[in-house]
Protein backbone atom coordinates (compact mmCIF):
# COMPACT_ATOMS: atom_id res chain seq x y z
CA MET A 1 13.13 -16.88 -47.57
CA THR A 2 14.81 -14.96 -44.76
CA SER A 3 17.62 -12.87 -46.24
CA GLN A 4 18.49 -10.53 -43.39
CA HIS A 5 19.30 -10.86 -39.69
CA VAL A 6 19.49 -7.95 -37.24
CA ASP A 7 19.71 -7.59 -33.50
CA VAL A 8 16.43 -5.63 -33.34
CA ALA A 9 13.67 -5.38 -35.96
CA ILE A 10 11.18 -2.53 -35.47
CA ILE A 11 7.78 -2.63 -37.14
CA GLY A 12 6.61 0.94 -37.66
CA GLY A 13 8.39 4.21 -38.41
CA GLY A 14 6.49 6.63 -36.20
CA PRO A 15 8.18 8.81 -33.55
CA GLY A 16 8.62 5.93 -31.10
CA GLY A 17 10.02 3.45 -33.61
CA LEU A 18 12.43 5.97 -35.14
CA ALA A 19 13.57 7.27 -31.73
CA LEU A 20 14.32 3.67 -30.72
CA ALA A 21 16.26 3.09 -33.94
CA GLN A 22 18.34 6.21 -33.27
CA GLY A 23 19.08 5.09 -29.71
CA LEU A 24 20.13 1.59 -30.77
CA LYS A 25 22.28 2.87 -33.66
CA LYS A 26 23.93 5.33 -31.28
CA ASN A 27 24.97 2.41 -29.07
CA GLY A 28 26.18 0.06 -31.79
CA ILE A 29 23.17 -2.27 -31.87
CA GLU A 30 22.22 -3.48 -35.34
CA VAL A 31 18.66 -2.38 -36.07
CA ALA A 32 16.23 -2.24 -38.99
CA VAL A 33 12.92 -0.37 -39.25
CA PHE A 34 10.11 -1.60 -41.48
CA GLU A 35 7.54 1.03 -42.45
CA LYS A 36 4.65 0.61 -44.86
CA ASP A 37 4.43 4.25 -46.07
CA ARG A 38 7.17 6.60 -47.23
CA ALA A 39 4.86 9.60 -46.71
CA ARG A 40 3.09 10.19 -43.39
CA THR A 41 -0.26 11.72 -44.38
CA ASP A 42 -2.36 10.80 -41.35
CA TYR A 43 -4.32 13.81 -40.16
CA VAL A 44 -2.45 14.43 -36.90
CA GLN A 45 0.84 14.69 -38.83
CA GLY A 46 -0.21 18.21 -39.80
CA PHE A 47 -0.26 19.40 -36.18
CA ARG A 48 2.46 20.20 -33.72
CA LEU A 49 3.40 18.04 -30.74
CA ARG A 50 3.36 19.57 -27.29
CA LEU A 51 6.54 18.52 -25.48
CA ARG A 52 6.88 17.16 -21.99
CA GLN A 53 9.93 16.41 -19.89
CA ARG A 54 9.64 12.67 -20.50
CA GLY A 55 9.82 13.17 -24.25
CA LEU A 56 12.72 15.63 -24.10
CA ASP A 57 14.78 13.40 -21.80
CA ALA A 58 14.28 10.36 -24.02
CA LEU A 59 15.22 12.26 -27.18
CA GLU A 60 18.37 13.57 -25.55
CA ARG A 61 19.37 10.02 -24.56
CA ASN A 62 18.58 8.43 -27.91
CA LEU A 63 19.71 11.04 -30.43
CA PRO A 64 23.37 11.75 -31.20
CA SER A 65 24.28 15.11 -29.71
CA HIS A 66 24.35 16.99 -33.03
CA LEU A 67 20.83 15.81 -33.90
CA PHE A 68 19.51 16.71 -30.46
CA ASP A 69 21.03 20.17 -30.88
CA THR A 70 19.27 20.41 -34.25
CA PHE A 71 16.02 19.37 -32.59
CA ILE A 72 16.34 22.13 -29.99
CA ASP A 73 17.30 24.74 -32.59
CA THR A 74 14.30 23.95 -34.80
CA LEU A 75 11.66 23.93 -32.09
CA GLY A 76 8.69 26.18 -32.57
CA ARG A 77 7.16 28.35 -29.88
CA ALA A 78 3.79 27.92 -28.26
CA PRO A 79 2.09 30.23 -25.75
CA HIS A 80 3.24 29.61 -22.18
CA GLN A 81 0.35 31.42 -20.50
CA ASN A 82 -3.20 30.10 -20.17
CA ILE A 83 -6.39 32.10 -20.29
CA LEU A 84 -9.97 31.06 -19.55
CA LEU A 85 -12.82 32.77 -21.39
CA ASN A 86 -16.52 32.21 -21.81
CA GLU A 87 -18.42 32.19 -25.10
CA LYS A 88 -19.05 35.95 -24.73
CA PHE A 89 -15.28 36.57 -24.74
CA GLU A 90 -15.32 37.48 -21.04
CA HIS A 91 -12.51 36.46 -18.69
CA LEU A 92 -13.28 33.73 -16.17
CA ASP A 93 -11.46 32.89 -12.95
CA ASP A 94 -9.69 29.57 -13.49
CA GLY A 95 -9.20 29.01 -9.76
CA ASN A 96 -5.44 28.58 -10.31
CA THR A 97 -5.93 24.86 -10.63
CA PRO A 98 -2.48 23.22 -10.83
CA ASP A 99 -1.59 20.78 -13.61
CA ALA A 100 -1.43 17.28 -12.17
CA GLU A 101 1.36 16.13 -14.50
CA ALA A 102 4.80 16.46 -12.90
CA ASP A 103 6.56 16.79 -16.25
CA ASP A 104 4.20 19.38 -17.71
CA THR A 105 6.85 22.12 -17.64
CA HIS A 106 7.47 22.91 -21.30
CA LEU A 107 4.35 24.68 -22.54
CA GLU A 108 6.47 26.97 -24.71
CA LYS A 109 8.22 24.10 -26.56
CA SER A 110 6.29 23.16 -29.67
CA VAL A 111 7.59 20.80 -32.35
CA SER A 112 6.09 20.19 -35.76
CA ARG A 113 5.52 16.47 -36.20
CA ILE A 114 6.89 16.86 -39.73
CA THR A 115 10.12 18.48 -38.52
CA LEU A 116 10.46 15.88 -35.75
CA ARG A 117 10.18 13.08 -38.31
CA GLN A 118 12.78 14.75 -40.52
CA ILE A 119 15.20 14.80 -37.57
CA LEU A 120 14.47 11.22 -36.53
CA LEU A 121 15.02 9.96 -40.08
CA THR A 122 18.38 11.70 -40.40
CA GLU A 123 21.25 9.20 -40.91
CA LEU A 124 18.84 6.24 -40.98
CA ASN A 125 18.78 5.79 -44.76
CA ASP A 126 20.35 2.34 -44.53
CA ILE A 127 18.12 1.35 -41.60
CA VAL A 128 14.56 2.27 -42.64
CA GLN A 129 12.90 0.11 -45.32
CA TYR A 130 9.63 1.34 -46.87
CA GLY A 131 6.77 -0.52 -48.49
CA LYS A 132 6.89 -3.22 -45.81
CA ILE A 133 3.49 -4.34 -44.55
CA PHE A 134 3.90 -6.68 -41.58
CA SER A 135 2.00 -9.96 -41.81
CA HIS A 136 3.02 -12.16 -38.85
CA TYR A 137 5.98 -13.44 -36.89
CA VAL A 138 7.26 -16.91 -36.08
CA GLU A 139 9.36 -17.86 -33.05
CA GLN A 140 12.29 -20.08 -34.04
CA PRO A 141 13.83 -23.01 -32.09
CA ASP A 142 16.94 -20.88 -31.41
CA SER A 143 14.65 -18.22 -29.80
CA SER A 144 15.09 -15.75 -32.67
CA ILE A 145 12.02 -14.19 -34.27
CA VAL A 146 11.26 -14.17 -37.98
CA ALA A 147 8.97 -11.34 -39.12
CA HIS A 148 7.11 -11.93 -42.39
CA PHE A 149 5.80 -9.22 -44.72
CA GLU A 150 3.01 -9.21 -47.26
CA ASP A 151 5.47 -8.89 -50.16
CA GLY A 152 6.87 -12.33 -49.28
CA SER A 153 10.06 -11.04 -47.66
CA SER A 154 11.09 -11.68 -44.07
CA VAL A 155 13.71 -10.72 -41.53
CA SER A 156 15.23 -12.62 -38.61
CA ALA A 157 15.88 -10.75 -35.37
CA ASN A 158 16.88 -11.36 -31.78
CA VAL A 159 14.13 -8.93 -30.73
CA LEU A 160 10.98 -7.84 -32.57
CA VAL A 161 9.41 -4.51 -31.52
CA GLY A 162 5.86 -3.62 -32.49
CA ALA A 163 5.78 0.16 -32.91
CA ASP A 164 3.02 0.01 -35.49
CA GLY A 165 0.37 2.15 -33.86
CA GLU A 166 -3.14 1.70 -32.51
CA LYS A 167 -4.03 -1.02 -35.05
CA SER A 168 -0.78 -2.88 -34.39
CA ARG A 169 -0.62 -6.24 -36.11
CA VAL A 170 2.23 -7.24 -33.82
CA ARG A 171 -0.01 -6.67 -30.80
CA GLN A 172 -2.88 -8.53 -32.42
CA GLN A 173 -0.69 -11.63 -32.59
CA LEU A 174 1.09 -11.20 -29.25
CA LEU A 175 -1.93 -10.08 -27.19
CA PRO A 176 -5.05 -10.81 -29.26
CA GLU A 177 -7.33 -10.12 -26.29
CA LEU A 178 -6.10 -6.52 -26.00
CA GLN A 179 -8.28 -4.23 -28.12
CA THR A 180 -8.83 -0.50 -28.42
CA TYR A 181 -12.34 0.92 -28.19
CA ASP A 182 -14.38 3.93 -29.21
CA THR A 183 -14.75 6.41 -26.34
CA GLY A 184 -17.90 7.92 -27.83
CA VAL A 185 -16.15 11.27 -28.34
CA ARG A 186 -15.83 13.04 -31.68
CA ARG A 187 -13.06 15.62 -32.05
CA LEU A 188 -13.24 18.45 -34.57
CA ALA A 189 -10.17 20.61 -35.24
CA GLY A 190 -8.79 23.12 -37.72
CA LYS A 191 -6.22 25.86 -38.14
CA MET A 192 -5.32 29.06 -40.00
CA THR A 193 -2.05 30.87 -40.61
CA LEU A 194 -1.20 33.73 -38.28
CA ALA A 195 -1.11 36.00 -41.33
CA ALA A 196 -4.70 35.02 -42.15
CA ALA A 197 -5.64 35.50 -38.49
CA GLU A 198 -4.28 39.04 -38.63
CA SER A 199 -6.19 39.80 -41.82
CA HIS A 200 -9.41 38.62 -40.18
CA ASN A 201 -8.71 40.63 -37.01
CA ILE A 202 -8.55 37.56 -34.77
CA SER A 203 -7.99 38.73 -31.19
CA PRO A 204 -4.47 38.42 -29.70
CA LEU A 205 -6.14 36.62 -26.79
CA LEU A 206 -6.60 33.66 -29.15
CA LEU A 207 -3.12 33.95 -30.66
CA ASP A 208 -0.83 34.71 -27.73
CA PHE A 209 -2.37 32.48 -25.05
CA ASN A 210 -3.45 28.90 -24.60
CA ALA A 211 -7.10 29.89 -24.60
CA ASN A 212 -9.77 27.64 -23.15
CA ILE A 213 -13.27 28.74 -24.12
CA LYS A 214 -15.71 27.49 -21.49
CA PRO A 215 -19.33 28.31 -22.37
CA GLY A 216 -22.14 28.47 -19.86
CA ALA A 217 -23.67 25.44 -21.59
CA GLY A 218 -22.37 23.01 -24.15
CA HIS A 219 -18.84 21.97 -25.03
CA GLY A 220 -15.71 24.07 -24.85
CA LEU A 221 -13.08 25.04 -27.38
CA MET A 222 -9.29 24.98 -26.98
CA VAL A 223 -7.15 27.43 -28.97
CA THR A 224 -3.36 27.63 -29.17
CA SER A 225 -0.66 28.51 -31.67
CA HIS A 226 2.60 27.25 -33.17
CA ARG A 227 5.18 29.82 -34.24
CA VAL A 228 8.12 28.90 -36.41
CA ASN A 229 11.22 30.84 -37.45
CA PRO A 230 12.25 29.64 -40.93
CA GLU A 231 15.45 31.71 -40.69
CA ALA A 232 16.63 29.43 -37.88
CA TYR A 233 16.26 26.38 -40.14
CA ARG A 234 18.35 27.50 -43.10
CA LYS A 235 21.56 25.89 -41.86
CA TYR A 236 19.84 22.49 -41.52
CA GLY A 237 18.90 21.88 -45.15
CA LEU A 238 15.69 19.88 -45.43
CA ILE A 239 15.05 19.83 -41.68
CA GLY A 240 12.31 22.34 -40.93
CA ALA A 241 11.43 22.72 -44.61
CA ASP A 242 8.20 21.57 -46.21
CA ASP A 243 8.17 17.81 -46.72
CA ALA A 244 8.36 16.93 -50.42
CA THR A 245 6.10 13.91 -49.89
CA HIS A 246 3.20 16.28 -49.16
CA ARG A 247 3.52 18.45 -52.28
CA LYS A 248 0.58 16.91 -54.12
CA ILE A 249 -1.77 17.43 -51.17
CA GLU A 250 -3.81 20.60 -51.56
CA GLY A 251 -4.24 23.14 -48.80
CA PHE A 252 -2.26 24.36 -45.81
CA HIS A 253 -2.55 21.42 -43.45
CA PHE A 254 0.88 19.85 -44.09
CA ASN A 255 2.71 23.16 -44.47
CA ASN A 256 5.78 23.03 -42.23
CA THR A 257 7.16 26.57 -42.56
CA THR A 258 4.30 28.87 -41.58
CA SER A 259 3.13 29.91 -38.12
CA TYR A 260 -0.49 29.13 -37.32
CA VAL A 261 -3.26 29.16 -34.73
CA TRP A 262 -5.36 26.05 -34.25
CA TRP A 263 -8.48 25.07 -32.38
CA ASN A 264 -10.19 21.87 -31.37
CA THR A 265 -13.43 20.89 -29.74
CA ALA A 266 -15.09 17.62 -28.83
CA PHE A 267 -18.66 16.34 -28.68
CA GLY A 268 -20.32 13.12 -27.67
CA ALA A 269 -21.32 10.70 -30.43
CA GLY A 270 -24.46 11.93 -32.17
CA GLU A 271 -24.38 15.43 -30.69
CA LEU A 272 -23.12 17.11 -33.84
CA ALA A 273 -24.82 14.64 -36.18
CA PRO A 274 -25.04 10.85 -36.52
CA ASP A 275 -21.72 9.24 -37.43
CA ASP A 276 -22.96 8.10 -40.83
CA VAL A 277 -23.88 11.70 -41.65
CA LEU A 278 -20.56 13.09 -40.38
CA SER A 279 -18.61 10.61 -42.50
CA ARG A 280 -20.19 12.03 -45.67
CA LEU A 281 -19.62 15.72 -44.93
CA GLU A 282 -16.95 17.71 -46.75
CA ARG A 283 -14.52 19.74 -44.64
CA GLY A 284 -16.30 23.03 -45.31
CA GLU A 285 -19.57 21.41 -44.32
CA LEU A 286 -18.03 20.37 -41.00
CA ILE A 287 -17.17 24.01 -40.33
CA ALA A 288 -20.73 25.07 -41.15
CA LEU A 289 -22.15 22.35 -38.90
CA LEU A 290 -20.03 23.45 -35.95
CA LEU A 291 -20.95 27.09 -36.49
CA SER A 292 -24.62 26.15 -36.50
CA LYS A 293 -24.18 24.64 -33.02
CA ILE A 294 -22.35 27.60 -31.50
CA GLY A 295 -23.72 30.49 -33.57
CA HIS A 296 -24.59 32.46 -30.42
CA TRP A 297 -20.93 32.72 -29.41
CA HIS A 298 -18.92 35.94 -29.74
CA PRO A 299 -18.10 36.77 -33.40
CA GLY A 300 -14.41 37.01 -32.52
CA ILE A 301 -14.40 33.32 -31.66
CA LEU A 302 -16.64 32.28 -34.52
CA ASP A 303 -14.41 34.02 -37.08
CA LEU A 304 -11.48 31.83 -36.03
CA ILE A 305 -13.51 28.79 -37.06
CA ARG A 306 -15.29 30.38 -40.03
CA TYR A 307 -12.07 31.43 -41.78
CA SER A 308 -10.02 28.31 -41.03
CA ASP A 309 -8.48 26.62 -44.05
CA PRO A 310 -10.92 23.78 -44.87
CA SER A 311 -7.98 21.48 -45.74
CA THR A 312 -7.02 21.53 -42.05
CA VAL A 313 -10.45 20.55 -40.73
CA ALA A 314 -11.42 16.99 -39.93
CA LEU A 315 -13.46 15.04 -37.44
CA LEU A 316 -11.90 12.09 -35.62
CA ARG A 317 -13.40 9.33 -33.53
CA VAL A 318 -11.45 9.33 -30.28
CA ARG A 319 -10.31 5.86 -29.28
CA THR A 320 -8.35 4.52 -26.32
CA SER A 321 -6.95 1.28 -24.99
CA ARG A 322 -7.53 -0.40 -21.65
CA PRO A 323 -4.46 -0.75 -19.42
CA PRO A 324 -3.31 -4.36 -19.94
CA GLN A 325 -2.30 -6.94 -17.40
CA PRO A 326 1.37 -8.02 -17.48
CA TRP A 327 2.13 -10.90 -19.85
CA GLN A 328 4.87 -13.50 -20.16
CA THR A 329 7.95 -11.74 -21.51
CA SER A 330 9.26 -13.01 -24.83
CA ARG A 331 11.50 -11.60 -27.53
CA VAL A 332 8.52 -9.76 -28.97
CA THR A 333 7.57 -6.49 -27.29
CA LEU A 334 5.60 -3.31 -27.94
CA LEU A 335 5.87 0.44 -27.54
CA GLY A 336 3.74 3.56 -27.94
CA ASP A 337 0.23 3.35 -29.35
CA ALA A 338 0.76 -0.32 -30.17
CA ILE A 339 0.35 -1.09 -26.46
CA HIS A 340 -1.17 2.01 -24.85
CA SER A 341 -3.19 4.02 -27.31
CA MET A 342 -4.79 6.97 -25.55
CA THR A 343 -6.99 10.00 -26.12
CA TYR A 344 -5.40 13.28 -27.24
CA PHE A 345 -6.34 15.00 -23.97
CA ARG A 346 -3.22 15.96 -21.98
CA ALA A 347 -1.02 15.53 -25.08
CA LEU A 348 0.64 12.41 -23.71
CA GLY A 349 0.58 10.00 -26.66
CA GLY A 350 3.61 11.09 -28.68
CA ASN A 351 5.68 11.82 -25.59
CA THR A 352 4.82 8.42 -24.16
CA ALA A 353 5.95 6.61 -27.33
CA ILE A 354 9.26 8.49 -27.34
CA TYR A 355 9.70 7.78 -23.63
CA ASP A 356 9.08 4.08 -24.27
CA ALA A 357 11.85 4.20 -26.85
CA GLY A 358 14.23 5.66 -24.29
CA LEU A 359 13.38 2.96 -21.75
CA LEU A 360 13.75 0.13 -24.24
CA ALA A 361 17.01 1.40 -25.73
CA ARG A 362 18.51 1.66 -22.24
CA GLU A 363 17.62 -1.92 -21.34
CA LEU A 364 18.78 -3.37 -24.67
CA VAL A 365 22.13 -1.61 -24.23
CA LYS A 366 22.47 -3.23 -20.80
CA ALA A 367 21.85 -6.63 -22.39
CA LYS A 368 24.44 -5.91 -25.08
CA LEU A 369 27.01 -5.01 -22.40
CA GLY A 370 26.30 -8.23 -20.50
CA GLN A 371 24.78 -6.40 -17.53
CA ASN A 372 21.54 -8.36 -17.91
CA THR A 373 20.13 -11.21 -19.93
CA LEU A 374 18.05 -10.27 -22.94
CA LEU A 375 14.77 -11.58 -21.51
CA ALA A 376 15.45 -9.94 -18.14
CA ALA A 377 16.15 -6.64 -19.89
CA LEU A 378 12.91 -6.89 -21.85
CA SER A 379 11.01 -7.77 -18.66
CA THR A 380 12.44 -4.73 -16.88
CA TYR A 381 11.40 -2.54 -19.81
CA GLU A 382 7.87 -3.94 -19.94
CA THR A 383 7.36 -3.44 -16.21
CA ALA A 384 8.36 0.23 -16.42
CA MET A 385 6.55 0.77 -19.73
CA LEU A 386 3.29 -0.68 -18.46
CA GLN A 387 3.41 1.39 -15.29
CA HIS A 388 3.91 4.78 -16.91
CA GLY A 389 1.86 3.92 -20.02
CA SER A 390 -1.16 2.75 -18.08
CA GLU A 391 -1.09 5.90 -15.99
CA ALA A 392 -0.94 8.02 -19.15
CA VAL A 393 -3.96 6.16 -20.58
CA ARG A 394 -5.91 6.74 -17.38
CA SER A 395 -4.87 10.38 -17.12
CA SER A 396 -5.88 11.19 -20.69
CA LEU A 397 -9.18 9.37 -20.28
CA VAL A 398 -10.01 11.23 -17.06
CA ALA A 399 -9.20 14.54 -18.76
CA MET A 400 -11.43 13.63 -21.70
CA GLN A 401 -14.38 12.71 -19.50
CA ARG A 402 -14.06 15.88 -17.45
CA ASN A 403 -13.74 18.11 -20.50
CA VAL A 404 -16.43 16.55 -22.66
CA PHE A 405 -18.90 15.06 -20.22
CA GLY A 406 -18.18 16.98 -17.04
CA HIS A 407 -17.45 13.97 -14.84
CA THR A 408 -14.72 11.47 -13.98
CA PRO A 409 -15.04 7.94 -15.37
CA THR A 410 -15.39 5.16 -12.84
CA GLU A 411 -15.22 1.92 -14.79
CA LEU A 412 -11.77 2.33 -16.31
CA VAL A 413 -9.98 4.32 -13.60
């Protein structure tokens, strides 16, 4: 039985879904968010998000001014200078190659995904509902949409937004032909506190720069850092503090108050070990496996990996989507990874989801004000979203192929 009706129902409480909820609430549009998990414990939640202009602009539009000010005040710092080294710890000439992304102008702005979520959840207590696993939706004769959940509950909405990530159930019903696929790349990453890095005499070149290690043969390693200032957070209560939902998880990975250095590298499928072997390895064993592959590198680089907190180390299969063809606009739409999941190369995924939220909030406000019909507003959003999202998917895929395989893909570009 449907017991609730809202203007906009959002499935998924990630950065894109919550940013959209903030933007709609700010403009007087009734909204509800349905999220399956109260605690976000997916692996990437333990890492920072590199900010781009598109993400900053969308957050400024969608957040009330006092929350945007809080967001700016609680930002961490990342290195703003790049350095290119080889595996012998020798400087290489990077050729001064410019970054192709026009909005890649905020290298020093680094936000913890945990802190970002704390900000986006602020003042949404009556809007976000947890424990809601989306099942399916039904279009009604009056054009409204009823979303059904596995617990038997449902909600009626004028617009349903799928913001439920790469495995989006909303997308699977709306666009069943659109699937994500395995790129054949396996990413391995880990981190250590800056205090631990100092105790192990890790070189400042790996702490104070965005360091790209480019060996003469084999795959490279990227190293950067995230510096926080807990003193700056004290006036914001729980924002910037450690998230209580992570207390029972051992290790440093979900710590939100300590500065750290982190590294990541990527290999083709089977290069480190067969996938079935990798899936059985403990985190410390993953470190040992990587060290066995690059044991001839400079000890100063190897120590960064060797002394990383094992709780922060994991191997991920890198997946991506294919840019979709436009579809017939309805009152069901998508944002973020639900429609354009992409590789982590170029750090576009989170920013793209937040940017989607800014685009969609703007168009829904126009519809509310009578400046456009609802379907026309959604169509305008989808046109813009598909254009910038598809380009982000392509850009991240090209960067992945160049970094891991040394060539540009042809089939998907």
